[in-house]
Amino acid sequence: MEHVEYLIVGAGMSGLAVADRLGRERSYLVLEADGEVGGYCKTVRQDGFVWDYSGHFFHFRHPAIEAELTARMREQRILKVVKDSRIYYAGEMVDFPFQKNIHQLP
C-alpha cells in the first residue's frame, strides 16, 4: 500500500490546483472518478455536435489570483466576458444569482 501525505479527491480545477501547489516536494495522490481530468471544464464531441461545459466561471476579486491563474493558462485561449445575467420574476428583472439579489424585488 502506498503512503502519501495528501489525498486529493477529484481532478477538477480545485484538485489540480492543489496538486500543482504541492509540487514535487510533497507526496500526494489524486483520485478521479471520470475518465479524464478537468471536472466540469471540458469539451464533449458526440454525433457531430460539440458541447463546451464550464460548470463554474472564474470571478476574481483579487488581481493577484487572476494573474496567477492566467499565467498558468498561457497556452489557452481565455475569453473575458462581462456578466449580465438576470431572471424575470414577478414582472421584474432580478440580477443573477437570484438568492443573492432578492433585495431587488418590489
PDB file of N, CA and C in Angstrom:
ATOM      1  N   MET A   1       0.842  -1.183   0.000  1.00  0.00           N
ATOM      2  CA  MET A   1       0.000   0.000   0.000  1.00  0.00           C
ATOM      3  C   MET A   1       0.884   1.242   0.000  1.00  0.00           C
ATOM      4  N   GLU A   2       0.557   2.160  -0.880  1.00  0.00           N
ATOM      5  CA  GLU A   2       1.318   3.401  -0.995  1.00  0.00           C
ATOM      6  C   GLU A   2       0.903   4.380   0.096  1.00  0.00           C
ATOM      7  N   HIS A   3       1.876   5.070   0.677  1.00  0.00           N
ATOM      8  CA  HIS A   3       1.599   6.089   1.688  1.00  0.00           C
ATOM      9  C   HIS A   3       1.872   7.455   1.070  1.00  0.00           C
ATOM     10  N   VAL A   4       0.898   8.363   1.195  1.00  0.00           N
ATOM     11  CA  VAL A   4       1.062   9.734   0.720  1.00  0.00           C
ATOM     12  C   VAL A   4       0.675  10.691   1.835  1.00  0.00           C
ATOM     13  N   GLU A   5       1.203  11.893   1.753  1.00  0.00           N
ATOM     14  CA  GLU A   5       0.857  12.918   2.748  1.00  0.00           C
ATOM     15  C   GLU A   5      -0.537  13.486   2.510  1.00  0.00           C
ATOM     16  N   TYR A   6      -0.913  13.606   1.238  1.00  0.00           N
ATOM     17  CA  TYR A   6      -2.179  14.248   0.892  1.00  0.00           C
ATOM     18  C   TYR A   6      -2.960  13.384  -0.087  1.00  0.00           C
ATOM     19  N   LEU A   7      -4.255  13.269   0.163  1.00  0.00           N
ATOM     20  CA  LEU A   7      -5.163  12.601  -0.755  1.00  0.00           C
ATOM     21  C   LEU A   7      -6.085  13.675  -1.331  1.00  0.00           C
ATOM     22  N   ILE A   8      -6.055  13.832  -2.631  1.00  0.00           N
ATOM     23  CA  ILE A   8      -6.864  14.839  -3.310  1.00  0.00           C
ATOM     24  C   ILE A   8      -7.982  14.109  -4.044  1.00  0.00           C
ATOM     25  N   VAL A   9      -9.214  14.392  -3.661  1.00  0.00           N
ATOM     26  CA  VAL A   9     -10.364  13.725  -4.267  1.00  0.00           C
ATOM     27  C   VAL A   9     -10.931  14.628  -5.354  1.00  0.00           C
ATOM     28  N   GLY A  10     -10.759  14.214  -6.591  1.00  0.00           N
ATOM     29  CA  GLY A  10     -11.268  14.969  -7.725  1.00  0.00           C
ATOM     30  C   GLY A  10     -10.167  15.701  -8.464  1.00  0.00           C
ATOM     31  N   ALA A  11     -10.161  15.538  -9.789  1.00  0.00           N
ATOM     32  CA  ALA A  11      -9.163  16.199 -10.627  1.00  0.00           C
ATOM     33  C   ALA A  11      -9.808  17.311 -11.448  1.00  0.00           C
ATOM     34  N   GLY A  12     -10.698  18.054 -10.790  1.00  0.00           N
ATOM     35  CA  GLY A  12     -11.253  19.255 -11.400  1.00  0.00           C
ATOM     36  C   GLY A  12     -10.279  20.401 -11.183  1.00  0.00           C
ATOM     37  N   MET A  13     -10.741  21.606 -11.406  1.00  0.00           N
ATOM     38  CA  MET A  13      -9.853  22.767 -11.263  1.00  0.00           C
ATOM     39  C   MET A  13      -9.248  22.872  -9.870  1.00  0.00           C
ATOM     40  N   SER A  14     -10.046  22.659  -8.844  1.00  0.00           N
ATOM     41  CA  SER A  14      -9.533  22.787  -7.473  1.00  0.00           C
ATOM     42  C   SER A  14      -8.529  21.694  -7.151  1.00  0.00           C
ATOM     43  N   GLY A  15      -8.864  20.455  -7.491  1.00  0.00           N
ATOM     44  CA  GLY A  15      -7.953  19.346  -7.219  1.00  0.00           C
ATOM     45  C   GLY A  15      -6.629  19.504  -7.937  1.00  0.00           C
ATOM     46  N   LEU A  16      -6.682  19.904  -9.198  1.00  0.00           N
ATOM     47  CA  LEU A  16      -5.453  20.107  -9.960  1.00  0.00           C
ATOM     48  C   LEU A  16      -4.645  21.281  -9.417  1.00  0.00           C
ATOM     49  N   ALA A  17      -5.332  22.327  -8.966  1.00  0.00           N
ATOM     50  CA  ALA A  17      -4.629  23.480  -8.391  1.00  0.00           C
ATOM     51  C   ALA A  17      -3.914  23.092  -7.103  1.00  0.00           C
ATOM     52  N   VAL A  18      -4.558  22.264  -6.271  1.00  0.00           N
ATOM     53  CA  VAL A  18      -3.916  21.808  -5.034  1.00  0.00           C
ATOM     54  C   VAL A  18      -2.688  20.969  -5.369  1.00  0.00           C
ATOM     55  N   ALA A  19      -2.818  20.047  -6.320  1.00  0.00           N
ATOM     56  CA  ALA A  19      -1.681  19.212  -6.713  1.00  0.00           C
ATOM     57  C   ALA A  19      -0.534  20.066  -7.234  1.00  0.00           C
ATOM     58  N   ASP A  20      -0.861  21.067  -8.034  1.00  0.00           N
ATOM     59  CA  ASP A  20       0.167  21.959  -8.560  1.00  0.00           C
ATOM     60  C   ASP A  20       0.851  22.729  -7.441  1.00  0.00           C
ATOM     61  N   ARG A  21       0.066  23.179  -6.477  1.00  0.00           N
ATOM     62  CA  ARG A  21       0.611  23.953  -5.360  1.00  0.00           C
ATOM     63  C   ARG A  21       1.532  23.090  -4.492  1.00  0.00           C
ATOM     64  N   LEU A  22       1.157  21.823  -4.305  1.00  0.00           N
ATOM     65  CA  LEU A  22       2.001  20.924  -3.511  1.00  0.00           C
ATOM     66  C   LEU A  22       3.320  20.645  -4.216  1.00  0.00           C
ATOM     67  N   GLY A  23       3.295  20.629  -5.542  1.00  0.00           N
ATOM     68  CA  GLY A  23       4.516  20.454  -6.317  1.00  0.00           C
ATOM     69  C   GLY A  23       5.148  19.085  -6.152  1.00  0.00           C
ATOM     70  N   ARG A  24       6.414  19.004  -6.437  1.00  0.00           N
ATOM     71  CA  ARG A  24       7.132  17.733  -6.376  1.00  0.00           C
ATOM     72  C   ARG A  24       7.733  17.455  -5.004  1.00  0.00           C
ATOM     73  N   GLU A  25       7.711  18.417  -4.120  1.00  0.00           N
ATOM     74  CA  GLU A  25       8.310  18.234  -2.796  1.00  0.00           C
ATOM     75  C   GLU A  25       7.416  17.433  -1.860  1.00  0.00           C
ATOM     76  N   ARG A  26       6.121  17.384  -2.124  1.00  0.00           N
ATOM     77  CA  ARG A  26       5.168  16.686  -1.254  1.00  0.00           C
ATOM     78  C   ARG A  26       4.618  15.473  -1.980  1.00  0.00           C
ATOM     79  N   SER A  27       4.264  14.450  -1.207  1.00  0.00           N
ATOM     80  CA  SER A  27       3.655  13.271  -1.828  1.00  0.00           C
ATOM     81  C   SER A  27       2.136  13.391  -1.752  1.00  0.00           C
ATOM     82  N   TYR A  28       1.491  13.126  -2.875  1.00  0.00           N
ATOM     83  CA  TYR A  28       0.038  13.204  -2.927  1.00  0.00           C
ATOM     84  C   TYR A  28      -0.483  12.224  -3.970  1.00  0.00           C
ATOM     85  N   LEU A  29      -1.758  11.928  -3.859  1.00  0.00           N
ATOM     86  CA  LEU A  29      -2.442  11.067  -4.810  1.00  0.00           C
ATOM     87  C   LEU A  29      -3.741  11.754  -5.191  1.00  0.00           C
ATOM     88  N   VAL A  30      -3.985  11.876  -6.493  1.00  0.00           N
ATOM     89  CA  VAL A  30      -5.221  12.478  -6.983  1.00  0.00           C
ATOM     90  C   VAL A  30      -6.135  11.350  -7.462  1.00  0.00           C
ATOM     91  N   LEU A  31      -7.337  11.280  -6.906  1.00  0.00           N
ATOM     92  CA  LEU A  31      -8.333  10.299  -7.336  1.00  0.00           C
ATOM     93  C   LEU A  31      -9.393  11.003  -8.176  1.00  0.00           C
ATOM     94  N   GLU A  32      -9.718  10.417  -9.313  1.00  0.00           N
ATOM     95  CA  GLU A  32     -10.728  10.991 -10.199  1.00  0.00           C
ATOM     96  C   GLU A  32     -11.644   9.877 -10.688  1.00  0.00           C
ATOM     97  N   ALA A  33     -12.942  10.043 -10.521  1.00  0.00           N
ATOM     98  CA  ALA A  33     -13.912   9.027 -10.922  1.00  0.00           C
ATOM     99  C   ALA A  33     -14.147   9.018 -12.433  1.00  0.00           C
ATOM    100  N   ASP A  34     -13.997  10.169 -13.080  1.00  0.00           N
ATOM    101  CA  ASP A  34     -14.240  10.272 -14.516  1.00  0.00           C
ATOM    102  C   ASP A  34     -13.032   9.728 -15.277  1.00  0.00           C
ATOM    103  N   GLY A  35     -13.181   9.542 -16.563  1.00  0.00           N
ATOM    104  CA  GLY A  35     -12.100   9.024 -17.384  1.00  0.00           C
ATOM    105  C   GLY A  35     -11.080  10.072 -17.789  1.00  0.00           C
ATOM    106  N   GLU A  36     -11.298  11.327 -17.420  1.00  0.00           N
ATOM    107  CA  GLU A  36     -10.364  12.393 -17.760  1.00  0.00           C
ATOM    108  C   GLU A  36     -10.391  13.471 -16.683  1.00  0.00           C
ATOM    109  N   VAL A  37      -9.340  14.272 -16.662  1.00  0.00           N
ATOM    110  CA  VAL A  37      -9.263  15.345 -15.670  1.00  0.00           C
ATOM    111  C   VAL A  37      -9.998  16.574 -16.189  1.00  0.00           C
ATOM    112  N   GLY A  38     -10.242  17.530 -15.297  1.00  0.00           N
ATOM    113  CA  GLY A  38     -10.857  18.793 -15.687  1.00  0.00           C
ATOM    114  C   GLY A  38     -12.193  19.063 -15.031  1.00  0.00           C
ATOM    115  N   GLY A  39     -12.794  18.034 -14.439  1.00  0.00           N
ATOM    116  CA  GLY A  39     -14.082  18.244 -13.783  1.00  0.00           C
ATOM    117  C   GLY A  39     -15.131  18.729 -14.761  1.00  0.00           C
ATOM    118  N   TYR A  40     -15.803  19.820 -14.420  1.00  0.00           N
ATOM    119  CA  TYR A  40     -16.861  20.358 -15.271  1.00  0.00           C
ATOM    120  C   TYR A  40     -16.327  21.153 -16.457  1.00  0.00           C
ATOM    121  N   CYS A  41     -15.040  21.383 -16.511  1.00  0.00           N
ATOM    122  CA  CYS A  41     -14.459  22.153 -17.609  1.00  0.00           C
ATOM    123  C   CYS A  41     -13.971  21.186 -18.685  1.00  0.00           C
ATOM    124  N   LYS A  42     -14.761  21.019 -19.722  1.00  0.00           N
ATOM    125  CA  LYS A  42     -14.374  20.094 -20.787  1.00  0.00           C
ATOM    126  C   LYS A  42     -15.219  20.334 -22.027  1.00  0.00           C
ATOM    127  N   THR A  43     -14.764  19.746 -23.114  1.00  0.00           N
ATOM    128  CA  THR A  43     -15.490  19.775 -24.372  1.00  0.00           C
ATOM    129  C   THR A  43     -15.854  18.348 -24.735  1.00  0.00           C
ATOM    130  N   VAL A  44     -17.112  18.140 -25.072  1.00  0.00           N
ATOM    131  CA  VAL A  44     -17.590  16.812 -25.455  1.00  0.00           C
ATOM    132  C   VAL A  44     -18.023  16.866 -26.910  1.00  0.00           C
ATOM    133  N   ARG A  45     -17.528  15.915 -27.703  1.00  0.00           N
ATOM    134  CA  ARG A  45     -17.912  15.799 -29.110  1.00  0.00           C
ATOM    135  C   ARG A  45     -18.683  14.496 -29.275  1.00  0.00           C
ATOM    136  N   GLN A  46     -19.900  14.610 -29.806  1.00  0.00           N
ATOM    137  CA  GLN A  46     -20.719  13.418 -29.969  1.00  0.00           C
ATOM    138  C   GLN A  46     -21.675  13.607 -31.138  1.00  0.00           C
ATOM    139  N   ASP A  47     -21.703  12.634 -32.020  1.00  0.00           N
ATOM    140  CA  ASP A  47     -22.625  12.629 -33.159  1.00  0.00           C
ATOM    141  C   ASP A  47     -22.559  13.916 -33.979  1.00  0.00           C
ATOM    142  N   GLY A  48     -21.362  14.456 -34.156  1.00  0.00           N
ATOM    143  CA  GLY A  48     -21.182  15.661 -34.948  1.00  0.00           C
ATOM    144  C   GLY A  48     -21.473  16.964 -34.226  1.00  0.00           C
ATOM    145  N   PHE A  49     -21.830  16.875 -32.958  1.00  0.00           N
ATOM    146  CA  PHE A  49     -22.104  18.071 -32.162  1.00  0.00           C
ATOM    147  C   PHE A  49     -20.976  18.302 -31.162  1.00  0.00           C
ATOM    148  N   VAL A  50     -20.808  19.555 -30.772  1.00  0.00           N
ATOM    149  CA  VAL A  50     -19.776  19.921 -29.799  1.00  0.00           C
ATOM    150  C   VAL A  50     -20.439  20.670 -28.655  1.00  0.00           C
ATOM    151  N   TRP A  51     -20.184  20.204 -27.425  1.00  0.00           N
ATOM    152  CA  TRP A  51     -20.689  20.868 -26.226  1.00  0.00           C
ATOM    153  C   TRP A  51     -19.508  21.294 -25.376  1.00  0.00           C
ATOM    154  N   ASP A  52     -19.452  22.567 -25.066  1.00  0.00           N
ATOM    155  CA  ASP A  52     -18.445  23.075 -24.136  1.00  0.00           C
ATOM    156  C   ASP A  52     -19.105  23.206 -22.779  1.00  0.00           C
ATOM    157  N   TYR A  53     -18.568  22.494 -21.817  1.00  0.00           N
ATOM    158  CA  TYR A  53     -19.081  22.547 -20.455  1.00  0.00           C
ATOM    159  C   TYR A  53     -18.166  23.421 -19.618  1.00  0.00           C
ATOM    160  N   SER A  54     -18.755  24.216 -18.805  1.00  0.00           N
ATOM    161  CA  SER A  54     -17.999  25.007 -17.844  1.00  0.00           C
ATOM    162  C   SER A  54     -18.893  25.160 -16.631  1.00  0.00           C
ATOM    163  N   GLY A  55     -18.713  24.266 -15.688  1.00  0.00           N
ATOM    164  CA  GLY A  55     -19.564  24.261 -14.509  1.00  0.00           C
ATOM    165  C   GLY A  55     -19.457  25.529 -13.695  1.00  0.00           C
ATOM    166  N   HIS A  56     -18.322  26.150 -13.776  1.00  0.00           N
ATOM    167  CA  HIS A  56     -18.089  27.341 -12.969  1.00  0.00           C
ATOM    168  C   HIS A  56     -17.312  28.348 -13.800  1.00  0.00           C
ATOM    169  N   PHE A  57     -17.646  29.575 -13.600  1.00  0.00           N
ATOM    170  CA  PHE A  57     -16.878  30.642 -14.219  1.00  0.00           C
ATOM    171  C   PHE A  57     -15.952  31.206 -13.156  1.00  0.00           C
ATOM    172  N   PHE A  58     -14.910  31.832 -13.589  1.00  0.00           N
ATOM    173  CA  PHE A  58     -13.983  32.438 -12.647  1.00  0.00           C
ATOM    174  C   PHE A  58     -14.410  33.875 -12.385  1.00  0.00           C
ATOM    175  N   HIS A  59     -14.654  34.175 -11.136  1.00  0.00           N
ATOM    176  CA  HIS A  59     -14.982  35.533 -10.720  1.00  0.00           C
ATOM    177  C   HIS A  59     -13.867  35.967  -9.773  1.00  0.00           C
ATOM    178  N   PHE A  60     -13.080  36.924 -10.197  1.00  0.00           N
ATOM    179  CA  PHE A  60     -11.920  37.319  -9.411  1.00  0.00           C
ATOM    180  C   PHE A  60     -12.176  38.599  -8.641  1.00  0.00           C
ATOM    181  N   ARG A  61     -11.904  38.549  -7.363  1.00  0.00           N
ATOM    182  CA  ARG A  61     -11.934  39.763  -6.543  1.00  0.00           C
ATOM    183  C   ARG A  61     -10.526  40.293  -6.329  1.00  0.00           C
ATOM    184  N   HIS A  62      -9.557  39.392  -6.434  1.00  0.00           N
ATOM    185  CA  HIS A  62      -8.173  39.758  -6.145  1.00  0.00           C
ATOM    186  C   HIS A  62      -7.333  39.657  -7.422  1.00  0.00           C
ATOM    187  N   PRO A  63      -6.777  40.762  -7.884  1.00  0.00           N
ATOM    188  CA  PRO A  63      -5.984  40.757  -9.115  1.00  0.00           C
ATOM    189  C   PRO A  63      -4.822  39.764  -9.081  1.00  0.00           C
ATOM    190  N   ALA A  64      -4.229  39.526  -7.915  1.00  0.00           N
ATOM    191  CA  ALA A  64      -3.093  38.602  -7.829  1.00  0.00           C
ATOM    192  C   ALA A  64      -3.511  37.173  -8.173  1.00  0.00           C
ATOM    193  N   ILE A  65      -4.693  36.772  -7.736  1.00  0.00           N
ATOM    194  CA  ILE A  65      -5.180  35.425  -8.039  1.00  0.00           C
ATOM    195  C   ILE A  65      -5.485  35.304  -9.529  1.00  0.00           C
ATOM    196  N   GLU A  66      -6.102  36.324 -10.094  1.00  0.00           N
ATOM    197  CA  GLU A  66      -6.380  36.309 -11.534  1.00  0.00           C
ATOM    198  C   GLU A  66      -5.078  36.228 -12.330  1.00  0.00           C
ATOM    199  N   ALA A  67      -4.074  36.991 -11.923  1.00  0.00           N
ATOM    200  CA  ALA A  67      -2.790  36.991 -12.627  1.00  0.00           C
ATOM    201  C   ALA A  67      -2.117  35.626 -12.549  1.00  0.00           C
ATOM    202  N   GLU A  68      -2.173  34.980 -11.380  1.00  0.00           N
ATOM    203  CA  GLU A  68      -1.541  33.664 -11.237  1.00  0.00           C
ATOM    204  C   GLU A  68      -2.224  32.630 -12.122  1.00  0.00           C
ATOM    205  N   LEU A  69      -3.546  32.591 -12.105  1.00  0.00           N
ATOM    206  CA  LEU A  69      -4.257  31.613 -12.920  1.00  0.00           C
ATOM    207  C   LEU A  69      -4.042  31.890 -14.408  1.00  0.00           C
ATOM    208  N   THR A  70      -4.089  33.131 -14.803  1.00  0.00           N
ATOM    209  CA  THR A  70      -3.872  33.490 -16.204  1.00  0.00           C
ATOM    210  C   THR A  70      -2.472  33.085 -16.648  1.00  0.00           C
ATOM    211  N   ALA A  71      -1.479  33.282 -15.792  1.00  0.00           N
ATOM    212  CA  ALA A  71      -0.107  32.895 -16.124  1.00  0.00           C
ATOM    213  C   ALA A  71       0.009  31.383 -16.310  1.00  0.00           C
ATOM    214  N   ARG A  72      -0.717  30.623 -15.520  1.00  0.00           N
ATOM    215  CA  ARG A  72      -0.667  29.160 -15.626  1.00  0.00           C
ATOM    216  C   ARG A  72      -1.405  28.651 -16.862  1.00  0.00           C
ATOM    217  N   MET A  73      -2.236  29.489 -17.435  1.00  0.00           N
ATOM    218  CA  MET A  73      -3.019  29.078 -18.602  1.00  0.00           C
ATOM    219  C   MET A  73      -2.547  29.804 -19.861  1.00  0.00           C
ATOM    220  N   ARG A  74      -1.279  30.130 -19.915  1.00  0.00           N
ATOM    221  CA  ARG A  74      -0.724  30.899 -21.033  1.00  0.00           C
ATOM    222  C   ARG A  74      -1.072  30.324 -22.402  1.00  0.00           C
ATOM    223  N   GLU A  75      -1.059  29.013 -22.494  1.00  0.00           N
ATOM    224  CA  GLU A  75      -1.276  28.364 -23.785  1.00  0.00           C
ATOM    225  C   GLU A  75      -2.755  28.281 -24.163  1.00  0.00           C
ATOM    226  N   GLN A  76      -3.628  28.684 -23.269  1.00  0.00           N
ATOM    227  CA  GLN A  76      -5.063  28.560 -23.502  1.00  0.00           C
ATOM    228  C   GLN A  76      -5.658  29.862 -24.029  1.00  0.00           C
ATOM    229  N   ARG A  77      -6.746  29.732 -24.724  1.00  0.00           N
ATOM    230  CA  ARG A  77      -7.494  30.896 -25.184  1.00  0.00           C
ATOM    231  C   ARG A  77      -8.438  31.304 -24.058  1.00  0.00           C
ATOM    232  N   ILE A  78      -8.242  32.469 -23.509  1.00  0.00           N
ATOM    233  CA  ILE A  78      -9.047  32.946 -22.386  1.00  0.00           C
ATOM    234  C   ILE A  78      -9.947  34.079 -22.869  1.00  0.00           C
ATOM    235  N   LEU A  79     -11.232  33.913 -22.640  1.00  0.00           N
ATOM    236  CA  LEU A  79     -12.193  34.945 -23.016  1.00  0.00           C
ATOM    237  C   LEU A  79     -12.672  35.658 -21.767  1.00  0.00           C
ATOM    238  N   LYS A  80     -12.658  36.969 -21.793  1.00  0.00           N
ATOM    239  CA  LYS A  80     -13.201  37.750 -20.684  1.00  0.00           C
ATOM    240  C   LYS A  80     -14.561  38.276 -21.113  1.00  0.00           C
ATOM    241  N   VAL A  81     -15.558  37.971 -20.319  1.00  0.00           N
ATOM    242  CA  VAL A  81     -16.929  38.333 -20.640  1.00  0.00           C
ATOM    243  C   VAL A  81     -17.514  39.110 -19.469  1.00  0.00           C
ATOM    244  N   VAL A  82     -18.170  40.203 -19.772  1.00  0.00           N
ATOM    245  CA  VAL A  82     -18.854  40.963 -18.740  1.00  0.00           C
ATOM    246  C   VAL A  82     -20.165  40.240 -18.434  1.00  0.00           C
ATOM    247  N   LYS A  83     -20.348  39.890 -17.188  1.00  0.00           N
ATOM    248  CA  LYS A  83     -21.536  39.144 -16.786  1.00  0.00           C
ATOM    249  C   LYS A  83     -22.752  40.059 -16.735  1.00  0.00           C
ATOM    250  N   ASP A  84     -23.808  39.624 -17.378  1.00  0.00           N
ATOM    251  CA  ASP A  84     -25.068  40.364 -17.348  1.00  0.00           C
ATOM    252  C   ASP A  84     -26.204  39.347 -17.369  1.00  0.00           C
ATOM    253  N   SER A  85     -26.375  38.639 -16.263  1.00  0.00           N
ATOM    254  CA  SER A  85     -27.398  37.599 -16.165  1.00  0.00           C
ATOM    255  C   SER A  85     -28.503  38.068 -15.237  1.00  0.00           C
ATOM    256  N   ARG A  86     -29.732  37.961 -15.727  1.00  0.00           N
ATOM    257  CA  ARG A  86     -30.875  38.365 -14.921  1.00  0.00           C
ATOM    258  C   ARG A  86     -32.003  37.353 -15.069  1.00  0.00           C
ATOM    259  N   ILE A  87     -32.896  37.369 -14.102  1.00  0.00           N
ATOM    260  CA  ILE A  87     -34.045  36.471 -14.079  1.00  0.00           C
ATOM    261  C   ILE A  87     -35.308  37.322 -14.091  1.00  0.00           C
ATOM    262  N   TYR A  88     -36.236  36.960 -14.954  1.00  0.00           N
ATOM    263  CA  TYR A  88     -37.521  37.655 -14.995  1.00  0.00           C
ATOM    264  C   TYR A  88     -38.434  36.983 -13.983  1.00  0.00           C
ATOM    265  N   TYR A  89     -38.813  37.723 -12.937  1.00  0.00           N
ATOM    266  CA  TYR A  89     -39.636  37.156 -11.869  1.00  0.00           C
ATOM    267  C   TYR A  89     -40.660  38.190 -11.412  1.00  0.00           C
ATOM    268  N   ALA A  90     -41.908  37.798 -11.375  1.00  0.00           N
ATOM    269  CA  ALA A  90     -42.999  38.654 -10.891  1.00  0.00           C
ATOM    270  C   ALA A  90     -42.998  40.015 -11.583  1.00  0.00           C
ATOM    271  N   GLY A  91     -42.734  39.997 -12.898  1.00  0.00           N
ATOM    272  CA  GLY A  91     -42.770  41.229 -13.665  1.00  0.00           C
ATOM    273  C   GLY A  91     -41.539  42.100 -13.530  1.00  0.00           C
ATOM    274  N   GLU A  92     -40.505  41.608 -12.866  1.00  0.00           N
ATOM    275  CA  GLU A  92     -39.275  42.387 -12.655  1.00  0.00           C
ATOM    276  C   GLU A  92     -38.056  41.595 -13.112  1.00  0.00           C
ATOM    277  N   MET A  93     -37.016  42.309 -13.521  1.00  0.00           N
ATOM    278  CA  MET A  93     -35.737  41.685 -13.839  1.00  0.00           C
ATOM    279  C   MET A  93     -34.868  41.746 -12.582  1.00  0.00           C
ATOM    280  N   VAL A  94     -34.413  40.583 -12.120  1.00  0.00           N
ATOM    281  CA  VAL A  94     -33.599  40.480 -10.908  1.00  0.00           C
ATOM    282  C   VAL A  94     -32.233  39.931 -11.303  1.00  0.00           C
ATOM    283  N   ASP A  95     -31.176  40.556 -10.809  1.00  0.00           N
ATOM    284  CA  ASP A  95     -29.826  40.086 -11.125  1.00  0.00           C
ATOM    285  C   ASP A  95     -29.611  38.659 -10.638  1.00  0.00           C
ATOM    286  N   PHE A  96     -28.789  37.918 -11.364  1.00  0.00           N
ATOM    287  CA  PHE A  96     -28.405  36.558 -11.003  1.00  0.00           C
ATOM    288  C   PHE A  96     -27.139  36.629 -10.153  1.00  0.00           C
ATOM    289  N   PRO A  97     -26.963  35.808  -9.145  1.00  0.00           N
ATOM    290  CA  PRO A  97     -27.853  34.755  -8.678  1.00  0.00           C
ATOM    291  C   PRO A  97     -29.025  35.325  -7.880  1.00  0.00           C
ATOM    292  N   PHE A  98     -30.164  34.725  -8.093  1.00  0.00           N
ATOM    293  CA  PHE A  98     -31.429  35.199  -7.532  1.00  0.00           C
ATOM    294  C   PHE A  98     -31.363  35.357  -6.019  1.00  0.00           C
ATOM    295  N   GLN A  99     -30.867  34.320  -5.324  1.00  0.00           N
ATOM    296  CA  GLN A  99     -30.891  34.327  -3.861  1.00  0.00           C
ATOM    297  C   GLN A  99     -30.006  35.431  -3.268  1.00  0.00           C
ATOM    298  N   LYS A 100     -29.055  35.905  -4.019  1.00  0.00           N
ATOM    299  CA  LYS A 100     -28.183  36.972  -3.527  1.00  0.00           C
ATOM    300  C   LYS A 100     -28.791  38.357  -3.778  1.00  0.00           C
ATOM    301  N   ASN A 101     -29.798  38.401  -4.619  1.00  0.00           N
ATOM    302  CA  ASN A 101     -30.340  39.693  -5.046  1.00  0.00           C
ATOM    303  C   ASN A 101     -31.828  39.859  -4.784  1.00  0.00           C
ATOM    304  N   ILE A 102     -32.358  39.141  -3.805  1.00  0.00           N
ATOM    305  CA  ILE A 102     -33.792  39.262  -3.520  1.00  0.00           C
ATOM    306  C   ILE A 102     -34.158  40.658  -3.021  1.00  0.00           C
ATOM    307  N   HIS A 103     -33.170  41.421  -2.600  1.00  0.00           N
ATOM    308  CA  HIS A 103     -33.446  42.802  -2.186  1.00  0.00           C
ATOM    309  C   HIS A 103     -33.939  43.655  -3.358  1.00  0.00           C
ATOM    310  N   GLN A 104     -33.755  43.175  -4.596  1.00  0.00           N
ATOM    311  CA  GLN A 104     -34.211  43.914  -5.768  1.00  0.00           C
ATOM    312  C   GLN A 104     -35.695  43.700  -6.059  1.00  0.00           C
ATOM    313  N   LEU A 105     -36.313  42.766  -5.357  1.00  0.00           N
ATOM    314  CA  LEU A 105     -37.736  42.501  -5.592  1.00  0.00           C
ATOM    315  C   LEU A 105     -38.584  43.670  -5.098  1.00  0.00           C
ATOM    316  N   PRO A 106     -39.720  43.913  -5.786  1.00  0.00           N
ATOM    317  CA  PRO A 106     -40.574  45.037  -5.374  1.00  0.00           C
ATOM    318  C   PRO A 106     -41.235  44.770  -4.029  1.00  0.00           C
TER     319      PRO A 106
END
